Amino acid sequence: MWPNAVANALSRIEWVFEQPGRYLDASAFCSPGIIDARDDLEWAMRHLPSGAKRDLGRLITRIDEELERRTLPEPNYIELATFGWWWTRMRER
């Protein structure tokens, strides 16, 4: 992982969540977008020591709740679930 990767991922997610509207629009998912940022956080979780993992885990829980609230299930993307549940979400079209 590169320096400041977690900070950059959190910054991208914060920017996306600041956008108005009930649902996230498609531009929020463009690369590098919220999906890439969430992938980066997942990777970091696997490599952090336990204390930092707990702290980041609390942030990720809140991020996941907001991501789930502002997206819809996309049944056509179910095969992408192996990458992470967030890959199976649909954004505003």
PDB file of N, CA and C in Angstrom:
ATOM      1  N   MET A   1       0.850  -1.168   0.000  1.00  0.00           N
ATOM      2  CA  MET A   1       0.000   0.000   0.000  1.00  0.00           C
ATOM      3  C   MET A   1       0.900   1.237   0.000  1.00  0.00           C
ATOM      4  N   TRP A   2       0.514   2.264  -0.689  1.00  0.00           N
ATOM      5  CA  TRP A   2       1.314   3.468  -0.814  1.00  0.00           C
ATOM      6  C   TRP A   2       1.029   4.415   0.354  1.00  0.00           C
ATOM      7  N   PRO A   3       1.936   5.385   0.590  1.00  0.00           N
ATOM      8  CA  PRO A   3       1.709   6.350   1.672  1.00  0.00           C
ATOM      9  C   PRO A   3       0.396   7.109   1.472  1.00  0.00           C
ATOM     10  N   ASN A   4      -0.297   7.325   2.548  1.00  0.00           N
ATOM     11  CA  ASN A   4      -1.557   8.077   2.569  1.00  0.00           C
ATOM     12  C   ASN A   4      -2.705   7.400   1.812  1.00  0.00           C
ATOM     13  N   ALA A   5      -2.600   6.135   1.513  1.00  0.00           N
ATOM     14  CA  ALA A   5      -3.650   5.440   0.760  1.00  0.00           C
ATOM     15  C   ALA A   5      -4.979   5.455   1.517  1.00  0.00           C
ATOM     16  N   VAL A   6      -4.947   5.216   2.802  1.00  0.00           N
ATOM     17  CA  VAL A   6      -6.187   5.204   3.593  1.00  0.00           C
ATOM     18  C   VAL A   6      -6.771   6.614   3.647  1.00  0.00           C
ATOM     19  N   ALA A   7      -5.934   7.606   3.872  1.00  0.00           N
ATOM     20  CA  ALA A   7      -6.416   8.994   3.908  1.00  0.00           C
ATOM     21  C   ALA A   7      -7.024   9.395   2.566  1.00  0.00           C
ATOM     22  N   ASN A   8      -6.385   8.991   1.471  1.00  0.00           N
ATOM     23  CA  ASN A   8      -6.923   9.311   0.143  1.00  0.00           C
ATOM     24  C   ASN A   8      -8.259   8.616  -0.090  1.00  0.00           C
ATOM     25  N   ALA A   9      -8.357   7.367   0.321  1.00  0.00           N
ATOM     26  CA  ALA A   9      -9.616   6.630   0.148  1.00  0.00           C
ATOM     27  C   ALA A   9     -10.726   7.280   0.964  1.00  0.00           C
ATOM     28  N   LEU A  10     -10.426   7.637   2.202  1.00  0.00           N
ATOM     29  CA  LEU A  10     -11.435   8.289   3.046  1.00  0.00           C
ATOM     30  C   LEU A  10     -11.839   9.648   2.470  1.00  0.00           C
ATOM     31  N   SER A  11     -10.894  10.356   1.894  1.00  0.00           N
ATOM     32  CA  SER A  11     -11.189  11.647   1.280  1.00  0.00           C
ATOM     33  C   SER A  11     -12.107  11.501   0.074  1.00  0.00           C
ATOM     34  N   ARG A  12     -11.847  10.488  -0.768  1.00  0.00           N
ATOM     35  CA  ARG A  12     -12.711  10.245  -1.931  1.00  0.00           C
ATOM     36  C   ARG A  12     -14.122   9.883  -1.492  1.00  0.00           C
ATOM     37  N   ILE A  13     -14.226   9.049  -0.476  1.00  0.00           N
ATOM     38  CA  ILE A  13     -15.541   8.643   0.021  1.00  0.00           C
ATOM     39  C   ILE A  13     -16.276   9.837   0.608  1.00  0.00           C
ATOM     40  N   GLU A  14     -15.567  10.649   1.379  1.00  0.00           N
ATOM     41  CA  GLU A  14     -16.190  11.841   1.958  1.00  0.00           C
ATOM     42  C   GLU A  14     -16.725  12.760   0.861  1.00  0.00           C
ATOM     43  N   TRP A  15     -15.940  12.963  -0.190  1.00  0.00           N
ATOM     44  CA  TRP A  15     -16.377  13.815  -1.297  1.00  0.00           C
ATOM     45  C   TRP A  15     -17.655  13.268  -1.932  1.00  0.00           C
ATOM     46  N   VAL A  16     -17.710  11.965  -2.159  1.00  0.00           N
ATOM     47  CA  VAL A  16     -18.887  11.346  -2.771  1.00  0.00           C
ATOM     48  C   VAL A  16     -20.109  11.517  -1.873  1.00  0.00           C
ATOM     49  N   PHE A  17     -19.960  11.285  -0.590  1.00  0.00           N
ATOM     50  CA  PHE A  17     -21.093  11.386   0.325  1.00  0.00           C
ATOM     51  C   PHE A  17     -21.571  12.826   0.522  1.00  0.00           C
ATOM     52  N   GLU A  18     -20.745  13.798   0.218  1.00  0.00           N
ATOM     53  CA  GLU A  18     -21.161  15.197   0.317  1.00  0.00           C
ATOM     54  C   GLU A  18     -22.033  15.629  -0.859  1.00  0.00           C
ATOM     55  N   GLN A  19     -22.089  14.823  -1.909  1.00  0.00           N
ATOM     56  CA  GLN A  19     -22.895  15.165  -3.072  1.00  0.00           C
ATOM     57  C   GLN A  19     -24.377  15.092  -2.703  1.00  0.00           C
ATOM     58  N   PRO A  20     -25.171  16.024  -3.213  1.00  0.00           N
ATOM     59  CA  PRO A  20     -26.593  16.045  -2.851  1.00  0.00           C
ATOM     60  C   PRO A  20     -27.362  14.889  -3.477  1.00  0.00           C
ATOM     61  N   GLY A  21     -28.499  14.614  -2.906  1.00  0.00           N
ATOM     62  CA  GLY A  21     -29.383  13.599  -3.461  1.00  0.00           C
ATOM     63  C   GLY A  21     -29.455  12.356  -2.611  1.00  0.00           C
ATOM     64  N   ARG A  22     -30.549  11.669  -2.737  1.00  0.00           N
ATOM     65  CA  ARG A  22     -30.779  10.431  -1.985  1.00  0.00           C
ATOM     66  C   ARG A  22     -29.864   9.323  -2.472  1.00  0.00           C
ATOM     67  N   TYR A  23     -29.722   9.233  -3.795  1.00  0.00           N
ATOM     68  CA  TYR A  23     -28.891   8.181  -4.379  1.00  0.00           C
ATOM     69  C   TYR A  23     -27.620   8.770  -4.955  1.00  0.00           C
ATOM     70  N   LEU A  24     -26.571   7.988  -4.930  1.00  0.00           N
ATOM     71  CA  LEU A  24     -25.315   8.407  -5.541  1.00  0.00           C
ATOM     72  C   LEU A  24     -25.473   8.354  -7.052  1.00  0.00           C
ATOM     73  N   ASP A  25     -24.915   9.335  -7.744  1.00  0.00           N
ATOM     74  CA  ASP A  25     -25.005   9.282  -9.197  1.00  0.00           C
ATOM     75  C   ASP A  25     -23.839   8.479  -9.762  1.00  0.00           C
ATOM     76  N   ALA A  26     -23.915   8.180 -11.028  1.00  0.00           N
ATOM     77  CA  ALA A  26     -22.934   7.301 -11.669  1.00  0.00           C
ATOM     78  C   ALA A  26     -21.522   7.874 -11.601  1.00  0.00           C
ATOM     79  N   SER A  27     -21.377   9.199 -11.604  1.00  0.00           N
ATOM     80  CA  SER A  27     -20.037   9.788 -11.568  1.00  0.00           C
ATOM     81  C   SER A  27     -19.313   9.470 -10.262  1.00  0.00           C
ATOM     82  N   ALA A  28     -20.045   9.181  -9.205  1.00  0.00           N
ATOM     83  CA  ALA A  28     -19.422   8.827  -7.930  1.00  0.00           C
ATOM     84  C   ALA A  28     -18.711   7.485  -8.010  1.00  0.00           C
ATOM     85  N   PHE A  29     -19.075   6.686  -8.981  1.00  0.00           N
ATOM     86  CA  PHE A  29     -18.494   5.355  -9.098  1.00  0.00           C
ATOM     87  C   PHE A  29     -17.358   5.299 -10.116  1.00  0.00           C
ATOM     88  N   CYS A  30     -17.153   6.396 -10.864  1.00  0.00           N
ATOM     89  CA  CYS A  30     -16.102   6.410 -11.878  1.00  0.00           C
ATOM     90  C   CYS A  30     -14.744   6.291 -11.220  1.00  0.00           C
ATOM     91  N   SER A  31     -13.827   5.700 -11.936  1.00  0.00           N
ATOM     92  CA  SER A  31     -12.500   5.459 -11.399  1.00  0.00           C
ATOM     93  C   SER A  31     -11.669   6.729 -11.407  1.00  0.00           C
ATOM     94  N   PRO A  32     -10.989   7.093 -10.341  1.00  0.00           N
ATOM     95  CA  PRO A  32     -11.068   6.439  -9.047  1.00  0.00           C
ATOM     96  C   PRO A  32     -12.295   6.947  -8.292  1.00  0.00           C
ATOM     97  N   GLY A  33     -13.153   6.062  -7.949  1.00  0.00           N
ATOM     98  CA  GLY A  33     -14.398   6.425  -7.292  1.00  0.00           C
ATOM     99  C   GLY A  33     -14.558   5.724  -5.974  1.00  0.00           C
ATOM    100  N   ILE A  34     -15.784   5.698  -5.531  1.00  0.00           N
ATOM    101  CA  ILE A  34     -16.076   5.154  -4.212  1.00  0.00           C
ATOM    102  C   ILE A  34     -15.807   3.638  -4.145  1.00  0.00           C
ATOM    103  N   ILE A  35     -16.036   2.937  -5.234  1.00  0.00           N
ATOM    104  CA  ILE A  35     -15.786   1.489  -5.231  1.00  0.00           C
ATOM    105  C   ILE A  35     -14.297   1.204  -5.072  1.00  0.00           C
ATOM    106  N   ASP A  36     -13.474   1.953  -5.798  1.00  0.00           N
ATOM    107  CA  ASP A  36     -12.018   1.788  -5.666  1.00  0.00           C
ATOM    108  C   ASP A  36     -11.560   2.169  -4.262  1.00  0.00           C
ATOM    109  N   ALA A  37     -12.123   3.245  -3.727  1.00  0.00           N
ATOM    110  CA  ALA A  37     -11.759   3.675  -2.377  1.00  0.00           C
ATOM    111  C   ALA A  37     -12.142   2.611  -1.354  1.00  0.00           C
ATOM    112  N   ARG A  38     -13.322   2.027  -1.525  1.00  0.00           N
ATOM    113  CA  ARG A  38     -13.759   0.981  -0.579  1.00  0.00           C
ATOM    114  C   ARG A  38     -12.864  -0.250  -0.697  1.00  0.00           C
ATOM    115  N   ASP A  39     -12.426  -0.567  -1.912  1.00  0.00           N
ATOM    116  CA  ASP A  39     -11.464  -1.661  -2.104  1.00  0.00           C
ATOM    117  C   ASP A  39     -10.155  -1.376  -1.360  1.00  0.00           C
ATOM    118  N   ASP A  40      -9.678  -0.150  -1.456  1.00  0.00           N
ATOM    119  CA  ASP A  40      -8.442   0.233  -0.763  1.00  0.00           C
ATOM    120  C   ASP A  40      -8.583   0.067   0.741  1.00  0.00           C
ATOM    121  N   LEU A  41      -9.727   0.461   1.283  1.00  0.00           N
ATOM    122  CA  LEU A  41      -9.943   0.313   2.721  1.00  0.00           C
ATOM    123  C   LEU A  41      -9.996  -1.158   3.129  1.00  0.00           C
ATOM    124  N   GLU A  42     -10.600  -1.973   2.294  1.00  0.00           N
ATOM    125  CA  GLU A  42     -10.657  -3.409   2.591  1.00  0.00           C
ATOM    126  C   GLU A  42      -9.250  -4.010   2.606  1.00  0.00           C
ATOM    127  N   TRP A  43      -8.436  -3.593   1.657  1.00  0.00           N
ATOM    128  CA  TRP A  43      -7.055  -4.082   1.587  1.00  0.00           C
ATOM    129  C   TRP A  43      -6.293  -3.649   2.834  1.00  0.00           C
ATOM    130  N   ALA A  44      -6.479  -2.402   3.241  1.00  0.00           N
ATOM    131  CA  ALA A  44      -5.803  -1.900   4.438  1.00  0.00           C
ATOM    132  C   ALA A  44      -6.218  -2.682   5.677  1.00  0.00           C
ATOM    133  N   MET A  45      -7.498  -3.016   5.770  1.00  0.00           N
ATOM    134  CA  MET A  45      -7.983  -3.763   6.928  1.00  0.00           C
ATOM    135  C   MET A  45      -7.266  -5.104   7.084  1.00  0.00           C
ATOM    136  N   ARG A  46      -6.906  -5.700   5.976  1.00  0.00           N
ATOM    137  CA  ARG A  46      -6.228  -7.006   6.031  1.00  0.00           C
ATOM    138  C   ARG A  46      -4.775  -6.886   6.486  1.00  0.00           C
ATOM    139  N   HIS A  47      -4.216  -5.677   6.452  1.00  0.00           N
ATOM    140  CA  HIS A  47      -2.788  -5.527   6.727  1.00  0.00           C
ATOM    141  C   HIS A  47      -2.448  -4.631   7.917  1.00  0.00           C
ATOM    142  N   LEU A  48      -3.453  -4.095   8.574  1.00  0.00           N
ATOM    143  CA  LEU A  48      -3.202  -3.221   9.712  1.00  0.00           C
ATOM    144  C   LEU A  48      -3.073  -4.016  11.008  1.00  0.00           C
ATOM    145  N   PRO A  49      -2.336  -3.479  11.966  1.00  0.00           N
ATOM    146  CA  PRO A  49      -2.308  -4.105  13.282  1.00  0.00           C
ATOM    147  C   PRO A  49      -3.679  -3.975  13.954  1.00  0.00           C
ATOM    148  N   SER A  50      -3.918  -4.771  14.969  1.00  0.00           N
ATOM    149  CA  SER A  50      -5.263  -4.899  15.541  1.00  0.00           C
ATOM    150  C   SER A  50      -5.862  -3.579  16.027  1.00  0.00           C
ATOM    151  N   GLY A  51      -5.117  -2.714  16.682  1.00  0.00           N
ATOM    152  CA  GLY A  51      -5.673  -1.454  17.168  1.00  0.00           C
ATOM    153  C   GLY A  51      -6.123  -0.549  16.034  1.00  0.00           C
ATOM    154  N   ALA A  52      -5.282  -0.399  15.037  1.00  0.00           N
ATOM    155  CA  ALA A  52      -5.631   0.429  13.881  1.00  0.00           C
ATOM    156  C   ALA A  52      -6.774  -0.207  13.097  1.00  0.00           C
ATOM    157  N   LYS A  53      -6.780  -1.516  13.049  1.00  0.00           N
ATOM    158  CA  LYS A  53      -7.857  -2.229  12.348  1.00  0.00           C
ATOM    159  C   LYS A  53      -9.203  -1.960  13.005  1.00  0.00           C
ATOM    160  N   ARG A  54      -9.230  -1.951  14.334  1.00  0.00           N
ATOM    161  CA  ARG A  54     -10.466  -1.649  15.059  1.00  0.00           C
ATOM    162  C   ARG A  54     -10.955  -0.241  14.755  1.00  0.00           C
ATOM    163  N   ASP A  55     -10.033   0.719  14.792  1.00  0.00           N
ATOM    164  CA  ASP A  55     -10.406   2.114  14.527  1.00  0.00           C
ATOM    165  C   ASP A  55     -10.928   2.291  13.105  1.00  0.00           C
ATOM    166  N   LEU A  56     -10.210   1.746  12.139  1.00  0.00           N
ATOM    167  CA  LEU A  56     -10.650   1.861  10.752  1.00  0.00           C
ATOM    168  C   LEU A  56     -11.953   1.090  10.548  1.00  0.00           C
ATOM    169  N   GLY A  57     -12.109  -0.020  11.230  1.00  0.00           N
ATOM    170  CA  GLY A  57     -13.331  -0.822  11.130  1.00  0.00           C
ATOM    171  C   GLY A  57     -14.569  -0.032  11.537  1.00  0.00           C
ATOM    172  N   ARG A  58     -14.424   0.797  12.565  1.00  0.00           N
ATOM    173  CA  ARG A  58     -15.563   1.635  12.981  1.00  0.00           C
ATOM    174  C   ARG A  58     -15.931   2.628  11.890  1.00  0.00           C
ATOM    175  N   LEU A  59     -14.934   3.229  11.248  1.00  0.00           N
ATOM    176  CA  LEU A  59     -15.211   4.141  10.135  1.00  0.00           C
ATOM    177  C   LEU A  59     -15.853   3.412   8.966  1.00  0.00           C
ATOM    178  N   ILE A  60     -15.329   2.244   8.664  1.00  0.00           N
ATOM    179  CA  ILE A  60     -15.854   1.469   7.535  1.00  0.00           C
ATOM    180  C   ILE A  60     -17.301   1.067   7.786  1.00  0.00           C
ATOM    181  N   THR A  61     -17.643   0.743   9.013  1.00  0.00           N
ATOM    182  CA  THR A  61     -19.032   0.399   9.334  1.00  0.00           C
ATOM    183  C   THR A  61     -19.956   1.549   8.979  1.00  0.00           C
ATOM    184  N   ARG A  62     -19.578   2.769   9.345  1.00  0.00           N
ATOM    185  CA  ARG A  62     -20.403   3.935   9.015  1.00  0.00           C
ATOM    186  C   ARG A  62     -20.432   4.195   7.512  1.00  0.00           C
ATOM    187  N   ILE A  63     -19.301   4.014   6.856  1.00  0.00           N
ATOM    188  CA  ILE A  63     -19.236   4.185   5.399  1.00  0.00           C
ATOM    189  C   ILE A  63     -20.157   3.180   4.717  1.00  0.00           C
ATOM    190  N   ASP A  64     -20.084   1.926   5.137  1.00  0.00           N
ATOM    191  CA  ASP A  64     -20.911   0.886   4.525  1.00  0.00           C
ATOM    192  C   ASP A  64     -22.403   1.153   4.720  1.00  0.00           C
ATOM    193  N   GLU A  65     -22.767   1.626   5.901  1.00  0.00           N
ATOM    194  CA  GLU A  65     -24.173   1.949   6.150  1.00  0.00           C
ATOM    195  C   GLU A  65     -24.654   3.048   5.204  1.00  0.00           C
ATOM    196  N   GLU A  66     -23.846   4.075   5.022  1.00  0.00           N
ATOM    197  CA  GLU A  66     -24.225   5.175   4.140  1.00  0.00           C
ATOM    198  C   GLU A  66     -24.227   4.728   2.678  1.00  0.00           C
ATOM    199  N   LEU A  67     -23.253   3.922   2.299  1.00  0.00           N
ATOM    200  CA  LEU A  67     -23.202   3.407   0.934  1.00  0.00           C
ATOM    201  C   LEU A  67     -24.422   2.540   0.641  1.00  0.00           C
ATOM    202  N   GLU A  68     -24.792   1.715   1.583  1.00  0.00           N
ATOM    203  CA  GLU A  68     -25.972   0.876   1.403  1.00  0.00           C
ATOM    204  C   GLU A  68     -27.248   1.716   1.342  1.00  0.00           C
ATOM    205  N   ARG A  69     -27.306   2.764   2.143  1.00  0.00           N
ATOM    206  CA  ARG A  69     -28.487   3.632   2.165  1.00  0.00           C
ATOM    207  C   ARG A  69     -28.643   4.398   0.853  1.00  0.00           C
ATOM    208  N   ARG A  70     -27.531   4.756   0.222  1.00  0.00           N
ATOM    209  CA  ARG A  70     -27.587   5.616  -0.959  1.00  0.00           C
ATOM    210  C   ARG A  70     -27.432   4.870  -2.276  1.00  0.00           C
ATOM    211  N   THR A  71     -27.503   3.549  -2.230  1.00  0.00           N
ATOM    212  CA  THR A  71     -27.460   2.731  -3.442  1.00  0.00           C
ATOM    213  C   THR A  71     -28.576   1.694  -3.370  1.00  0.00           C
ATOM    214  N   LEU A  72     -28.747   0.970  -4.452  1.00  0.00           N
ATOM    215  CA  LEU A  72     -29.773  -0.071  -4.529  1.00  0.00           C
ATOM    216  C   LEU A  72     -29.118  -1.401  -4.885  1.00  0.00           C
ATOM    217  N   PRO A  73     -29.720  -2.521  -4.492  1.00  0.00           N
ATOM    218  CA  PRO A  73     -29.180  -3.817  -4.895  1.00  0.00           C
ATOM    219  C   PRO A  73     -29.253  -3.963  -6.415  1.00  0.00           C
ATOM    220  N   GLU A  74     -28.228  -4.558  -6.988  1.00  0.00           N
ATOM    221  CA  GLU A  74     -28.189  -4.815  -8.433  1.00  0.00           C
ATOM    222  C   GLU A  74     -28.014  -6.313  -8.640  1.00  0.00           C
ATOM    223  N   PRO A  75     -29.111  -7.039  -8.885  1.00  0.00           N
ATOM    224  CA  PRO A  75     -29.030  -8.493  -9.007  1.00  0.00           C
ATOM    225  C   PRO A  75     -28.168  -8.955 -10.181  1.00  0.00           C
ATOM    226  N   ASN A  76     -28.002  -8.136 -11.206  1.00  0.00           N
ATOM    227  CA  ASN A  76     -27.181  -8.538 -12.357  1.00  0.00           C
ATOM    228  C   ASN A  76     -25.690  -8.517 -12.049  1.00  0.00           C
ATOM    229  N   TYR A  77     -25.304  -7.924 -10.926  1.00  0.00           N
ATOM    230  CA  TYR A  77     -23.885  -7.832 -10.564  1.00  0.00           C
ATOM    231  C   TYR A  77     -23.496  -8.845  -9.495  1.00  0.00           C
ATOM    232  N   ILE A  78     -24.351  -9.799  -9.203  1.00  0.00           N
ATOM    233  CA  ILE A  78     -24.112 -10.712  -8.081  1.00  0.00           C
ATOM    234  C   ILE A  78     -22.781 -11.457  -8.204  1.00  0.00           C
ATOM    235  N   GLU A  79     -22.320 -11.724  -9.419  1.00  0.00           N
ATOM    236  CA  GLU A  79     -21.045 -12.436  -9.588  1.00  0.00           C
ATOM    237  C   GLU A  79     -19.873 -11.584  -9.107  1.00  0.00           C
ATOM    238  N   LEU A  80     -20.066 -10.283  -8.981  1.00  0.00           N
ATOM    239  CA  LEU A  80     -19.005  -9.397  -8.502  1.00  0.00           C
ATOM    240  C   LEU A  80     -18.892  -9.396  -6.976  1.00  0.00           C
ATOM    241  N   ALA A  81     -19.779 -10.098  -6.296  1.00  0.00           N
ATOM    242  CA  ALA A  81     -19.759 -10.136  -4.832  1.00  0.00           C
ATOM    243  C   ALA A  81     -18.457 -10.702  -4.286  1.00  0.00           C
ATOM    244  N   THR A  82     -17.750 -11.485  -5.089  1.00  0.00           N
ATOM    245  CA  THR A  82     -16.463 -12.017  -4.620  1.00  0.00           C
ATOM    246  C   THR A  82     -15.453 -10.892  -4.394  1.00  0.00           C
ATOM    247  N   PHE A  83     -15.628  -9.753  -5.048  1.00  0.00           N
ATOM    248  CA  PHE A  83     -14.748  -8.608  -4.847  1.00  0.00           C
ATOM    249  C   PHE A  83     -15.150  -7.813  -3.614  1.00  0.00           C
ATOM    250  N   GLY A  84     -16.395  -7.883  -3.222  1.00  0.00           N
ATOM    251  CA  GLY A  84     -16.923  -7.152  -2.070  1.00  0.00           C
ATOM    252  C   GLY A  84     -18.383  -6.832  -2.326  1.00  0.00           C
ATOM    253  N   TRP A  85     -19.187  -6.800  -1.284  1.00  0.00           N
ATOM    254  CA  TRP A  85     -20.620  -6.568  -1.444  1.00  0.00           C
ATOM    255  C   TRP A  85     -20.896  -5.249  -2.148  1.00  0.00           C
ATOM    256  N   TRP A  86     -20.020  -4.265  -1.954  1.00  0.00           N
ATOM    257  CA  TRP A  86     -20.238  -2.946  -2.546  1.00  0.00           C
ATOM    258  C   TRP A  86     -20.195  -2.982  -4.068  1.00  0.00           C
ATOM    259  N   TRP A  87     -19.645  -4.028  -4.664  1.00  0.00           N
ATOM    260  CA  TRP A  87     -19.644  -4.180  -6.121  1.00  0.00           C
ATOM    261  C   TRP A  87     -21.022  -4.598  -6.638  1.00  0.00           C
ATOM    262  N   THR A  88     -21.906  -5.022  -5.751  1.00  0.00           N
ATOM    263  CA  THR A  88     -23.233  -5.494  -6.180  1.00  0.00           C
ATOM    264  C   THR A  88     -24.306  -4.439  -5.992  1.00  0.00           C
ATOM    265  N   ARG A  89     -23.900  -3.193  -5.867  1.00  0.00           N
ATOM    266  CA  ARG A  89     -24.856  -2.116  -5.653  1.00  0.00           C
ATOM    267  C   ARG A  89     -25.055  -1.310  -6.935  1.00  0.00           C
ATOM    268  N   MET A  90     -26.252  -0.801  -7.096  1.00  0.00           N
ATOM    269  CA  MET A  90     -26.615  -0.017  -8.283  1.00  0.00           C
ATOM    270  C   MET A  90     -26.709   1.453  -7.864  1.00  0.00           C
ATOM    271  N   ARG A  91     -26.214   2.282  -8.723  1.00  0.00           N
ATOM    272  CA  ARG A  91     -26.340   3.697  -8.468  1.00  0.00           C
ATOM    273  C   ARG A  91     -27.426   4.297  -9.342  1.00  0.00           C
ATOM    274  N   GLU A  92     -27.713   5.554  -9.097  1.00  0.00           N
ATOM    275  CA  GLU A  92     -28.712   6.269  -9.884  1.00  0.00           C
ATOM    276  C   GLU A  92     -28.288   6.268 -11.350  1.00  0.00           C
ATOM    277  N   ARG A  93     -29.240   6.054 -12.240  1.00  0.00           N
ATOM    278  CA  ARG A  93     -28.922   6.017 -13.660  1.00  0.00           C
ATOM    279  C   ARG A  93     -29.305   7.302 -14.331  1.00  0.00           C
TER     280      ARG A  93
END
